[in-house]
């Protein structure tokens, strides 16, 4: 329930409910933003262990036609380190192949 006059005075309670609905709407938007930031931080931490920048990982996975979103990549970085290592290695190999092709 509410505290103070809000629990007894109807007009104050109505205002408070409207404000709560506004906070709820903003919170739903912020939750998506915060989760995306968290996924990126987790992926970045996992990929730094393999001495590879985050942007290089995503670019080379995309070029290798690996369709994994950030949410799944962050879960792999935490719960499946071997699988994440294989993806990081794939990105490294793709980058090396791209550099060799550029030199030819």
Protein backbone atom coordinates (compact mmCIF):
# COMPACT_ATOMS: atom_id res chain seq x y z
CA UNK A 1 0.00 0.00 0.00
CA UNK A 2 0.81 3.63 0.14
CA UNK A 3 2.21 5.67 3.01
CA UNK A 4 1.11 8.95 4.49
CA UNK A 5 -1.91 10.78 3.05
CA UNK A 6 -1.80 8.70 -0.09
CA UNK A 7 -3.43 5.77 1.66
CA UNK A 8 -6.42 7.86 2.85
CA UNK A 9 -6.83 10.65 0.30
CA UNK A 10 -8.25 9.40 -3.01
CA UNK A 11 -6.97 12.26 -5.18
CA UNK A 12 -3.41 11.80 -3.94
CA UNK A 13 -3.66 8.05 -4.44
CA UNK A 14 -4.83 8.51 -8.04
CA UNK A 15 -1.89 10.83 -8.77
CA UNK A 16 0.48 8.35 -7.21
CA UNK A 17 -0.92 5.49 -9.29
CA UNK A 18 -0.50 7.52 -12.49
CA UNK A 19 3.10 8.27 -11.54
CA UNK A 20 3.69 4.60 -10.75
CA UNK A 21 2.43 3.68 -14.22
CA UNK A 22 4.88 6.18 -15.74
CA UNK A 23 7.75 4.65 -13.76
CA UNK A 24 6.62 1.21 -14.85
CA UNK A 25 6.67 2.23 -18.52
CA UNK A 26 10.15 3.76 -18.21
CA UNK A 27 11.36 0.75 -16.27
CA UNK A 28 10.39 -1.63 -19.05
CA UNK A 29 12.41 0.43 -21.53
CA UNK A 30 15.41 0.73 -19.19
CA UNK A 31 15.40 -3.00 -18.50
CA UNK A 32 16.01 -3.77 -22.18
CA UNK A 33 18.81 -1.20 -22.34
CA UNK A 34 20.46 -2.47 -19.17
CA UNK A 35 20.28 -6.11 -20.25
CA UNK A 36 21.94 -5.28 -23.58
CA UNK A 37 24.73 -3.45 -21.71
CA UNK A 38 25.18 -6.44 -19.42
CA UNK A 39 25.39 -8.87 -22.36
CA UNK A 40 28.00 -6.70 -24.07
CA UNK A 41 30.07 -6.46 -20.87
CA UNK A 42 29.98 -10.23 -20.40
CA UNK A 43 30.98 -10.90 -24.01
CA UNK A 44 33.73 -8.28 -23.81
CA UNK A 45 35.14 -9.84 -20.65
CA UNK A 46 35.03 -13.32 -22.16
CA UNK A 47 36.63 -12.28 -25.42
CA UNK A 48 39.40 -10.27 -23.72
CA UNK A 49 40.58 -13.56 -22.17
CA UNK A 50 41.27 -14.70 -25.73
CA UNK A 51 43.09 -11.41 -26.56
CA UNK A 52 40.54 -10.31 -29.10
CA UNK A 53 38.50 -7.07 -29.13
CA UNK A 54 34.72 -7.25 -28.91
CA UNK A 55 34.17 -5.52 -32.24
CA UNK A 56 36.51 -7.89 -34.09
CA UNK A 57 34.69 -10.89 -32.61
CA UNK A 58 31.27 -9.71 -33.73
CA UNK A 59 32.44 -8.57 -37.16
CA UNK A 60 34.22 -11.83 -37.94
CA UNK A 61 31.41 -14.01 -36.59
CA UNK A 62 29.03 -12.12 -38.86
CA UNK A 63 31.36 -12.59 -41.83
CA UNK A 64 31.59 -16.31 -41.01
CA UNK A 65 27.78 -16.56 -41.19
CA UNK A 66 27.45 -17.43 -37.50
CA UNK A 67 24.03 -16.10 -36.50
CA UNK A 68 24.25 -15.86 -32.70
CA UNK A 69 22.83 -12.86 -30.88
CA UNK A 70 24.44 -11.07 -27.94
CA UNK A 71 22.22 -12.75 -25.36
CA UNK A 72 23.28 -16.23 -26.43
CA UNK A 73 26.93 -15.20 -26.73
CA UNK A 74 26.91 -13.88 -23.17
CA UNK A 75 25.35 -17.11 -21.91
CA UNK A 76 28.01 -19.10 -23.76
CA UNK A 77 30.76 -16.94 -22.28
CA UNK A 78 29.52 -17.72 -18.77
CA UNK A 79 28.20 -21.29 -18.91
CA UNK A 80 29.98 -22.83 -21.92
CA UNK A 81 33.56 -21.51 -21.99
CA UNK A 82 34.77 -24.19 -24.43
CA UNK A 83 32.10 -23.32 -26.96
CA UNK A 84 32.85 -19.63 -26.53
CA UNK A 85 36.55 -20.36 -26.98
CA UNK A 86 35.77 -22.17 -30.25
CA UNK A 87 33.79 -19.15 -31.49
CA UNK A 88 36.60 -16.79 -30.51
CA UNK A 89 39.07 -19.03 -32.33
CA UNK A 90 36.82 -19.01 -35.39
CA UNK A 91 36.78 -15.21 -35.31
CA UNK A 92 40.59 -15.11 -34.96
CA UNK A 93 41.01 -17.47 -37.91
CA UNK A 94 38.60 -15.43 -39.99
CA UNK A 95 40.53 -12.25 -39.19
CA UNK A 96 43.85 -13.89 -40.08
CA UNK A 97 42.42 -15.21 -43.37
CA UNK A 98 41.06 -11.76 -44.17
CA UNK A 99 44.46 -10.18 -43.54
CA UNK A 100 46.22 -12.77 -45.69
CA UNK A 101 43.72 -12.22 -48.50
CA UNK A 102 44.27 -8.46 -48.27
CA UNK A 103 48.05 -8.92 -48.58
CA UNK A 104 47.76 -11.10 -51.71
